[in-house]
Amino acid sequence: MTELAEPFAMSQPAISRHLNVLERAGLISRGQDAQRRPSRLEARPLAEATDWLEGYRRLWESSFQRLDDLLDEMKTTTKKRRHTKR
């Protein structure tokens, strides 16, 4: 626990609570080795979460690209109108 808490501005009990949440979520597993409780990342649930997030990232990128295209079209239309009014 000391090793995990060291780089963060968090107490050891706070780190322990965070690890408990991650363990309950299946994102880490913890063993016991004498006085130590080594933690290990569980790849499968993390991969599933990554896949789920990737789907939303693609959705939002597509939406933002369509918005960019629409804004570019509106700018072009506005410039043409200004130019023809002169």
PDB file of N, CA and C in Angstrom:
ATOM      1  N   MET A   1       0.821  -1.189   0.000  1.00  0.00           N
ATOM      2  CA  MET A   1       0.000   0.000   0.000  1.00  0.00           C
ATOM      3  C   MET A   1       0.867   1.255   0.000  1.00  0.00           C
ATOM      4  N   THR A   2       1.945   1.196   0.735  1.00  0.00           N
ATOM      5  CA  THR A   2       2.846   2.349   0.813  1.00  0.00           C
ATOM      6  C   THR A   2       3.384   2.708  -0.561  1.00  0.00           C
ATOM      7  N   GLU A   3       3.757   1.692  -1.341  1.00  0.00           N
ATOM      8  CA  GLU A   3       4.287   1.941  -2.688  1.00  0.00           C
ATOM      9  C   GLU A   3       3.251   2.608  -3.580  1.00  0.00           C
ATOM     10  N   LEU A   4       2.003   2.182  -3.481  1.00  0.00           N
ATOM     11  CA  LEU A   4       0.941   2.764  -4.311  1.00  0.00           C
ATOM     12  C   LEU A   4       0.614   4.193  -3.888  1.00  0.00           C
ATOM     13  N   ALA A   5       0.619   4.452  -2.596  1.00  0.00           N
ATOM     14  CA  ALA A   5       0.240   5.777  -2.095  1.00  0.00           C
ATOM     15  C   ALA A   5       1.341   6.809  -2.313  1.00  0.00           C
ATOM     16  N   GLU A   6       2.587   6.364  -2.396  1.00  0.00           N
ATOM     17  CA  GLU A   6       3.727   7.275  -2.445  1.00  0.00           C
ATOM     18  C   GLU A   6       3.640   8.371  -3.519  1.00  0.00           C
ATOM     19  N   PRO A   7       3.353   8.049  -4.796  1.00  0.00           N
ATOM     20  CA  PRO A   7       3.357   9.110  -5.810  1.00  0.00           C
ATOM     21  C   PRO A   7       2.114  10.011  -5.780  1.00  0.00           C
ATOM     22  N   PHE A   8       1.144   9.682  -4.945  1.00  0.00           N
ATOM     23  CA  PHE A   8      -0.105  10.443  -4.923  1.00  0.00           C
ATOM     24  C   PHE A   8      -0.251  11.207  -3.613  1.00  0.00           C
ATOM     25  N   ALA A   9      -1.002  12.272  -3.678  1.00  0.00           N
ATOM     26  CA  ALA A   9      -1.302  13.049  -2.477  1.00  0.00           C
ATOM     27  C   ALA A   9      -2.540  12.447  -1.812  1.00  0.00           C
ATOM     28  N   MET A  10      -2.443  11.155  -1.495  1.00  0.00           N
ATOM     29  CA  MET A  10      -3.566  10.444  -0.889  1.00  0.00           C
ATOM     30  C   MET A  10      -3.043   9.611   0.275  1.00  0.00           C
ATOM     31  N   SER A  11      -3.895   9.413   1.236  1.00  0.00           N
ATOM     32  CA  SER A  11      -3.521   8.573   2.369  1.00  0.00           C
ATOM     33  C   SER A  11      -3.622   7.101   1.976  1.00  0.00           C
ATOM     34  N   GLN A  12      -2.992   6.260   2.757  1.00  0.00           N
ATOM     35  CA  GLN A  12      -3.076   4.828   2.505  1.00  0.00           C
ATOM     36  C   GLN A  12      -4.513   4.308   2.621  1.00  0.00           C
ATOM     37  N   PRO A  13      -5.298   4.772   3.609  1.00  0.00           N
ATOM     38  CA  PRO A  13      -6.690   4.318   3.651  1.00  0.00           C
ATOM     39  C   PRO A  13      -7.487   4.724   2.406  1.00  0.00           C
ATOM     40  N   ALA A  14      -7.210   5.910   1.855  1.00  0.00           N
ATOM     41  CA  ALA A  14      -7.911   6.348   0.640  1.00  0.00           C
ATOM     42  C   ALA A  14      -7.529   5.457  -0.536  1.00  0.00           C
ATOM     43  N   ILE A  15      -6.248   5.119  -0.649  1.00  0.00           N
ATOM     44  CA  ILE A  15      -5.792   4.212  -1.711  1.00  0.00           C
ATOM     45  C   ILE A  15      -6.482   2.854  -1.546  1.00  0.00           C
ATOM     46  N   SER A  16      -6.563   2.380  -0.323  1.00  0.00           N
ATOM     47  CA  SER A  16      -7.200   1.096  -0.053  1.00  0.00           C
ATOM     48  C   SER A  16      -8.667   1.112  -0.478  1.00  0.00           C
ATOM     49  N   ARG A  17      -9.373   2.190  -0.190  1.00  0.00           N
ATOM     50  CA  ARG A  17     -10.780   2.294  -0.603  1.00  0.00           C
ATOM     51  C   ARG A  17     -10.898   2.266  -2.124  1.00  0.00           C
ATOM     52  N   HIS A  18     -10.022   2.979  -2.800  1.00  0.00           N
ATOM     53  CA  HIS A  18     -10.036   2.980  -4.272  1.00  0.00           C
ATOM     54  C   HIS A  18      -9.780   1.575  -4.818  1.00  0.00           C
ATOM     55  N   LEU A  19      -8.811   0.884  -4.236  1.00  0.00           N
ATOM     56  CA  LEU A  19      -8.515  -0.475  -4.690  1.00  0.00           C
ATOM     57  C   LEU A  19      -9.694  -1.411  -4.445  1.00  0.00           C
ATOM     58  N   ASN A  20     -10.382  -1.226  -3.335  1.00  0.00           N
ATOM     59  CA  ASN A  20     -11.564  -2.054  -3.055  1.00  0.00           C
ATOM     60  C   ASN A  20     -12.635  -1.851  -4.120  1.00  0.00           C
ATOM     61  N   VAL A  21     -12.838  -0.614  -4.534  1.00  0.00           N
ATOM     62  CA  VAL A  21     -13.826  -0.320  -5.583  1.00  0.00           C
ATOM     63  C   VAL A  21     -13.408  -0.977  -6.889  1.00  0.00           C
ATOM     64  N   LEU A  22     -12.142  -0.844  -7.252  1.00  0.00           N
ATOM     65  CA  LEU A  22     -11.642  -1.457  -8.483  1.00  0.00           C
ATOM     66  C   LEU A  22     -11.753  -2.977  -8.439  1.00  0.00           C
ATOM     67  N   GLU A  23     -11.503  -3.551  -7.262  1.00  0.00           N
ATOM     68  CA  GLU A  23     -11.608  -5.002  -7.125  1.00  0.00           C
ATOM     69  C   GLU A  23     -13.061  -5.460  -7.250  1.00  0.00           C
ATOM     70  N   ARG A  24     -13.984  -4.748  -6.615  1.00  0.00           N
ATOM     71  CA  ARG A  24     -15.402  -5.106  -6.727  1.00  0.00           C
ATOM     72  C   ARG A  24     -15.891  -4.985  -8.165  1.00  0.00           C
ATOM     73  N   ALA A  25     -15.328  -4.033  -8.916  1.00  0.00           N
ATOM     74  CA  ALA A  25     -15.708  -3.842 -10.315  1.00  0.00           C
ATOM     75  C   ALA A  25     -15.053  -4.879 -11.226  1.00  0.00           C
ATOM     76  N   GLY A  26     -14.141  -5.677 -10.690  1.00  0.00           N
ATOM     77  CA  GLY A  26     -13.478  -6.704 -11.486  1.00  0.00           C
ATOM     78  C   GLY A  26     -12.335  -6.169 -12.332  1.00  0.00           C
ATOM     79  N   LEU A  27     -11.893  -4.949 -12.053  1.00  0.00           N
ATOM     80  CA  LEU A  27     -10.824  -4.347 -12.852  1.00  0.00           C
ATOM     81  C   LEU A  27      -9.438  -4.705 -12.339  1.00  0.00           C
ATOM     82  N   ILE A  28      -9.354  -5.118 -11.078  1.00  0.00           N
ATOM     83  CA  ILE A  28      -8.096  -5.615 -10.524  1.00  0.00           C
ATOM     84  C   ILE A  28      -8.398  -6.865  -9.704  1.00  0.00           C
ATOM     85  N   SER A  29      -7.367  -7.661  -9.494  1.00  0.00           N
ATOM     86  CA  SER A  29      -7.473  -8.768  -8.550  1.00  0.00           C
ATOM     87  C   SER A  29      -6.341  -8.588  -7.553  1.00  0.00           C
ATOM     88  N   ARG A  30      -6.604  -9.041  -6.331  1.00  0.00           N
ATOM     89  CA  ARG A  30      -5.593  -8.881  -5.283  1.00  0.00           C
ATOM     90  C   ARG A  30      -5.328 -10.233  -4.651  1.00  0.00           C
ATOM     91  N   GLY A  31      -4.065 -10.494  -4.434  1.00  0.00           N
ATOM     92  CA  GLY A  31      -3.654 -11.738  -3.803  1.00  0.00           C
ATOM     93  C   GLY A  31      -3.078 -11.462  -2.430  1.00  0.00           C
ATOM     94  N   GLN A  32      -2.453 -12.458  -1.867  1.00  0.00           N
ATOM     95  CA  GLN A  32      -1.801 -12.270  -0.578  1.00  0.00           C
ATOM     96  C   GLN A  32      -0.477 -13.009  -0.609  1.00  0.00           C
ATOM     97  N   ASP A  33       0.561 -12.322  -0.236  1.00  0.00           N
ATOM     98  CA  ASP A  33       1.907 -12.876  -0.196  1.00  0.00           C
ATOM     99  C   ASP A  33       2.536 -12.410   1.110  1.00  0.00           C
ATOM    100  N   ALA A  34       2.401 -13.232   2.141  1.00  0.00           N
ATOM    101  CA  ALA A  34       2.877 -12.888   3.493  1.00  0.00           C
ATOM    102  C   ALA A  34       2.212 -11.590   3.935  1.00  0.00           C
ATOM    103  N   GLN A  35       2.985 -10.549   4.109  1.00  0.00           N
ATOM    104  CA  GLN A  35       2.454  -9.255   4.566  1.00  0.00           C
ATOM    105  C   GLN A  35       1.936  -8.386   3.418  1.00  0.00           C
ATOM    106  N   ARG A  36       2.226  -8.782   2.213  1.00  0.00           N
ATOM    107  CA  ARG A  36       1.868  -7.969   1.042  1.00  0.00           C
ATOM    108  C   ARG A  36       0.563  -8.442   0.433  1.00  0.00           C
ATOM    109  N   ARG A  37      -0.153  -7.513  -0.227  1.00  0.00           N
ATOM    110  CA  ARG A  37      -1.358  -7.855  -0.999  1.00  0.00           C
ATOM    111  C   ARG A  37      -1.162  -7.327  -2.411  1.00  0.00           C
ATOM    112  N   PRO A  38      -0.431  -8.045  -3.239  1.00  0.00           N
ATOM    113  CA  PRO A  38      -0.171  -7.557  -4.605  1.00  0.00           C
ATOM    114  C   PRO A  38      -1.469  -7.415  -5.399  1.00  0.00           C
ATOM    115  N   SER A  39      -1.534  -6.351  -6.176  1.00  0.00           N
ATOM    116  CA  SER A  39      -2.696  -6.094  -7.033  1.00  0.00           C
ATOM    117  C   SER A  39      -2.292  -6.296  -8.476  1.00  0.00           C
ATOM    118  N   ARG A  40      -3.244  -6.792  -9.275  1.00  0.00           N
ATOM    119  CA  ARG A  40      -2.972  -7.039 -10.689  1.00  0.00           C
ATOM    120  C   ARG A  40      -4.128  -6.518 -11.522  1.00  0.00           C
ATOM    121  N   LEU A  41      -3.811  -5.796 -12.581  1.00  0.00           N
ATOM    122  CA  LEU A  41      -4.852  -5.337 -13.500  1.00  0.00           C
ATOM    123  C   LEU A  41      -5.453  -6.534 -14.216  1.00  0.00           C
ATOM    124  N   GLU A  42      -6.755  -6.511 -14.392  1.00  0.00           N
ATOM    125  CA  GLU A  42      -7.447  -7.565 -15.132  1.00  0.00           C
ATOM    126  C   GLU A  42      -7.746  -7.031 -16.533  1.00  0.00           C
ATOM    127  N   ALA A  43      -7.128  -7.623 -17.521  1.00  0.00           N
ATOM    128  CA  ALA A  43      -7.176  -7.101 -18.888  1.00  0.00           C
ATOM    129  C   ALA A  43      -8.560  -7.205 -19.530  1.00  0.00           C
ATOM    130  N   ARG A  44      -9.261  -8.302 -19.323  1.00  0.00           N
ATOM    131  CA  ARG A  44     -10.528  -8.515 -20.036  1.00  0.00           C
ATOM    132  C   ARG A  44     -11.564  -7.427 -19.745  1.00  0.00           C
ATOM    133  N   PRO A  45     -11.862  -7.123 -18.474  1.00  0.00           N
ATOM    134  CA  PRO A  45     -12.843  -6.061 -18.227  1.00  0.00           C
ATOM    135  C   PRO A  45     -12.372  -4.694 -18.732  1.00  0.00           C
ATOM    136  N   LEU A  46     -11.057  -4.457 -18.660  1.00  0.00           N
ATOM    137  CA  LEU A  46     -10.536  -3.190 -19.174  1.00  0.00           C
ATOM    138  C   LEU A  46     -10.688  -3.122 -20.687  1.00  0.00           C
ATOM    139  N   ALA A  47     -10.485  -4.241 -21.368  1.00  0.00           N
ATOM    140  CA  ALA A  47     -10.662  -4.283 -22.825  1.00  0.00           C
ATOM    141  C   ALA A  47     -12.126  -4.056 -23.190  1.00  0.00           C
ATOM    142  N   GLU A  48     -13.039  -4.648 -22.419  1.00  0.00           N
ATOM    143  CA  GLU A  48     -14.466  -4.444 -22.666  1.00  0.00           C
ATOM    144  C   GLU A  48     -14.847  -2.973 -22.490  1.00  0.00           C
ATOM    145  N   ALA A  49     -14.320  -2.343 -21.446  1.00  0.00           N
ATOM    146  CA  ALA A  49     -14.599  -0.923 -21.219  1.00  0.00           C
ATOM    147  C   ALA A  49     -14.015  -0.076 -22.344  1.00  0.00           C
ATOM    148  N   THR A  50     -12.823  -0.425 -22.787  1.00  0.00           N
ATOM    149  CA  THR A  50     -12.185   0.304 -23.883  1.00  0.00           C
ATOM    150  C   THR A  50     -13.009   0.186 -25.160  1.00  0.00           C
ATOM    151  N   ASP A  51     -13.492  -1.015 -25.456  1.00  0.00           N
ATOM    152  CA  ASP A  51     -14.323  -1.215 -26.652  1.00  0.00           C
ATOM    153  C   ASP A  51     -15.597  -0.384 -26.577  1.00  0.00           C
ATOM    154  N   TRP A  52     -16.221  -0.373 -25.417  1.00  0.00           N
ATOM    155  CA  TRP A  52     -17.455   0.397 -25.229  1.00  0.00           C
ATOM    156  C   TRP A  52     -17.182   1.894 -25.436  1.00  0.00           C
ATOM    157  N   LEU A  53     -16.105   2.387 -24.837  1.00  0.00           N
ATOM    158  CA  LEU A  53     -15.746   3.802 -24.989  1.00  0.00           C
ATOM    159  C   LEU A  53     -15.371   4.129 -26.431  1.00  0.00           C
ATOM    160  N   GLU A  54     -14.713   3.208 -27.098  1.00  0.00           N
ATOM    161  CA  GLU A  54     -14.305   3.422 -28.497  1.00  0.00           C
ATOM    162  C   GLU A  54     -15.520   3.637 -29.392  1.00  0.00           C
ATOM    163  N   GLY A  55     -16.588   2.896 -29.134  1.00  0.00           N
ATOM    164  CA  GLY A  55     -17.816   3.086 -29.906  1.00  0.00           C
ATOM    165  C   GLY A  55     -18.361   4.494 -29.754  1.00  0.00           C
ATOM    166  N   TYR A  56     -18.363   4.994 -28.542  1.00  0.00           N
ATOM    167  CA  TYR A  56     -18.834   6.361 -28.310  1.00  0.00           C
ATOM    168  C   TYR A  56     -17.875   7.397 -28.886  1.00  0.00           C
ATOM    169  N   ARG A  57     -16.571   7.102 -28.839  1.00  0.00           N
ATOM    170  CA  ARG A  57     -15.604   8.039 -29.425  1.00  0.00           C
ATOM    171  C   ARG A  57     -15.866   8.186 -30.919  1.00  0.00           C
ATOM    172  N   ARG A  58     -16.098   7.063 -31.615  1.00  0.00           N
ATOM    173  CA  ARG A  58     -16.380   7.111 -33.059  1.00  0.00           C
ATOM    174  C   ARG A  58     -17.676   7.874 -33.330  1.00  0.00           C
ATOM    175  N   LEU A  59     -18.695   7.641 -32.503  1.00  0.00           N
ATOM    176  CA  LEU A  59     -19.968   8.337 -32.663  1.00  0.00           C
ATOM    177  C   LEU A  59     -19.776   9.850 -32.544  1.00  0.00           C
ATOM    178  N   TRP A  60     -19.061  10.275 -31.493  1.00  0.00           N
ATOM    179  CA  TRP A  60     -18.866  11.706 -31.289  1.00  0.00           C
ATOM    180  C   TRP A  60     -17.968  12.312 -32.359  1.00  0.00           C
ATOM    181  N   GLU A  61     -16.933  11.596 -32.781  1.00  0.00           N
ATOM    182  CA  GLU A  61     -16.079  12.113 -33.863  1.00  0.00           C
ATOM    183  C   GLU A  61     -16.890  12.339 -35.126  1.00  0.00           C
ATOM    184  N   SER A  62     -17.759  11.397 -35.442  1.00  0.00           N
ATOM    185  CA  SER A  62     -18.607  11.522 -36.620  1.00  0.00           C
ATOM    186  C   SER A  62     -19.544  12.725 -36.488  1.00  0.00           C
ATOM    187  N   SER A  63     -20.131  12.886 -35.316  1.00  0.00           N
ATOM    188  CA  SER A  63     -21.040  14.013 -35.089  1.00  0.00           C
ATOM    189  C   SER A  63     -20.303  15.341 -35.201  1.00  0.00           C
ATOM    190  N   PHE A  64     -19.115  15.413 -34.609  1.00  0.00           N
ATOM    191  CA  PHE A  64     -18.344  16.651 -34.683  1.00  0.00           C
ATOM    192  C   PHE A  64     -17.885  16.935 -36.106  1.00  0.00           C
ATOM    193  N   GLN A  65     -17.565  15.897 -36.871  1.00  0.00           N
ATOM    194  CA  GLN A  65     -17.165  16.104 -38.266  1.00  0.00           C
ATOM    195  C   GLN A  65     -18.328  16.673 -39.070  1.00  0.00           C
ATOM    196  N   ARG A  66     -19.532  16.142 -38.849  1.00  0.00           N
ATOM    197  CA  ARG A  66     -20.707  16.673 -39.553  1.00  0.00           C
ATOM    198  C   ARG A  66     -20.957  18.125 -39.142  1.00  0.00           C
ATOM    199  N   LEU A  67     -20.768  18.440 -37.863  1.00  0.00           N
ATOM    200  CA  LEU A  67     -20.935  19.818 -37.398  1.00  0.00           C
ATOM    201  C   LEU A  67     -19.894  20.730 -38.048  1.00  0.00           C
ATOM    202  N   ASP A  68     -18.645  20.281 -38.125  1.00  0.00           N
ATOM    203  CA  ASP A  68     -17.593  21.058 -38.792  1.00  0.00           C
ATOM    204  C   ASP A  68     -17.961  21.322 -40.253  1.00  0.00           C
ATOM    205  N   ASP A  69     -18.448  20.280 -40.927  1.00  0.00           N
ATOM    206  CA  ASP A  69     -18.834  20.436 -42.331  1.00  0.00           C
ATOM    207  C   ASP A  69     -19.958  21.451 -42.482  1.00  0.00           C
ATOM    208  N   LEU A  70     -20.949  21.387 -41.595  1.00  0.00           N
ATOM    209  CA  LEU A  70     -22.063  22.326 -41.640  1.00  0.00           C
ATOM    210  C   LEU A  70     -21.585  23.756 -41.385  1.00  0.00           C
ATOM    211  N   LEU A  71     -20.720  23.936 -40.399  1.00  0.00           N
ATOM    212  CA  LEU A  71     -20.210  25.280 -40.102  1.00  0.00           C
ATOM    213  C   LEU A  71     -19.395  25.829 -41.261  1.00  0.00           C
ATOM    214  N   ASP A  72     -18.589  24.984 -41.899  1.00  0.00           N
ATOM    215  CA  ASP A  72     -17.833  25.428 -43.074  1.00  0.00           C
ATOM    216  C   ASP A  72     -18.778  25.855 -44.198  1.00  0.00           C
ATOM    217  N   GLU A  73     -19.828  25.076 -44.402  1.00  0.00           N
ATOM    218  CA  GLU A  73     -20.815  25.403 -45.430  1.00  0.00           C
ATOM    219  C   GLU A  73     -21.496  26.744 -45.112  1.00  0.00           C
ATOM    220  N   MET A  74     -21.828  26.960 -43.849  1.00  0.00           N
ATOM    221  CA  MET A  74     -22.486  28.205 -43.450  1.00  0.00           C
ATOM    222  C   MET A  74     -21.549  29.403 -43.640  1.00  0.00           C
ATOM    223  N   LYS A  75     -20.260  29.233 -43.332  1.00  0.00           N
ATOM    224  CA  LYS A  75     -19.287  30.311 -43.528  1.00  0.00           C
ATOM    225  C   LYS A  75     -19.187  30.671 -45.006  1.00  0.00           C
ATOM    226  N   THR A  76     -19.122  29.648 -45.857  1.00  0.00           N
ATOM    227  CA  THR A  76     -19.020  29.872 -47.299  1.00  0.00           C
ATOM    228  C   THR A  76     -20.251  30.613 -47.812  1.00  0.00           C
ATOM    229  N   THR A  77     -21.427  30.197 -47.361  1.00  0.00           N
ATOM    230  CA  THR A  77     -22.677  30.836 -47.779  1.00  0.00           C
ATOM    231  C   THR A  77     -22.715  32.297 -47.333  1.00  0.00           C
ATOM    232  N   THR A  78     -22.284  32.547 -46.095  1.00  0.00           N
ATOM    233  CA  THR A  78     -22.279  33.907 -45.563  1.00  0.00           C
ATOM    234  C   THR A  78     -21.313  34.790 -46.353  1.00  0.00           C
ATOM    235  N   LYS A  79     -20.127  34.272 -46.676  1.00  0.00           N
ATOM    236  CA  LYS A  79     -19.151  35.044 -47.452  1.00  0.00           C
ATOM    237  C   LYS A  79     -19.691  35.367 -48.838  1.00  0.00           C
ATOM    238  N   LYS A  80     -20.370  34.402 -49.475  1.00  0.00           N
ATOM    239  CA  LYS A  80     -20.927  34.623 -50.800  1.00  0.00           C
ATOM    240  C   LYS A  80     -22.006  35.711 -50.757  1.00  0.00           C
ATOM    241  N   ARG A  81     -22.843  35.688 -49.744  1.00  0.00           N
ATOM    242  CA  ARG A  81     -23.905  36.689 -49.614  1.00  0.00           C
ATOM    243  C   ARG A  81     -23.305  38.088 -49.422  1.00  0.00           C
ATOM    244  N   ARG A  82     -22.283  38.190 -48.579  1.00  0.00           N
ATOM    245  CA  ARG A  82     -21.643  39.487 -48.336  1.00  0.00           C
ATOM    246  C   ARG A  82     -21.011  40.008 -49.626  1.00  0.00           C
ATOM    247  N   HIS A  83     -20.391  39.120 -50.351  1.00  0.00           N
ATOM    248  CA  HIS A  83     -19.694  39.504 -51.571  1.00  0.00           C
ATOM    249  C   HIS A  83     -20.680  39.984 -52.652  1.00  0.00           C
ATOM    250  N   THR A  84     -21.845  39.351 -52.771  1.00  0.00           N
ATOM    251  CA  THR A  84     -22.820  39.714 -53.807  1.00  0.00           C
ATOM    252  C   THR A  84     -23.585  40.971 -53.435  1.00  0.00           C
ATOM    253  N   LYS A  85     -23.659  41.353 -52.141  1.00  0.00           N
ATOM    254  CA  LYS A  85     -24.367  42.549 -51.717  1.00  0.00           C
ATOM    255  C   LYS A  85     -23.571  43.823 -52.010  1.00  0.00           C
ATOM    256  N   ARG A  86     -22.287  43.724 -52.220  1.00  0.00           N
ATOM    257  CA  ARG A  86     -21.460  44.898 -52.446  1.00  0.00           C
ATOM    258  C   ARG A  86     -21.632  45.450 -53.799  1.00  0.00           C
TER     259      ARG A  86
END
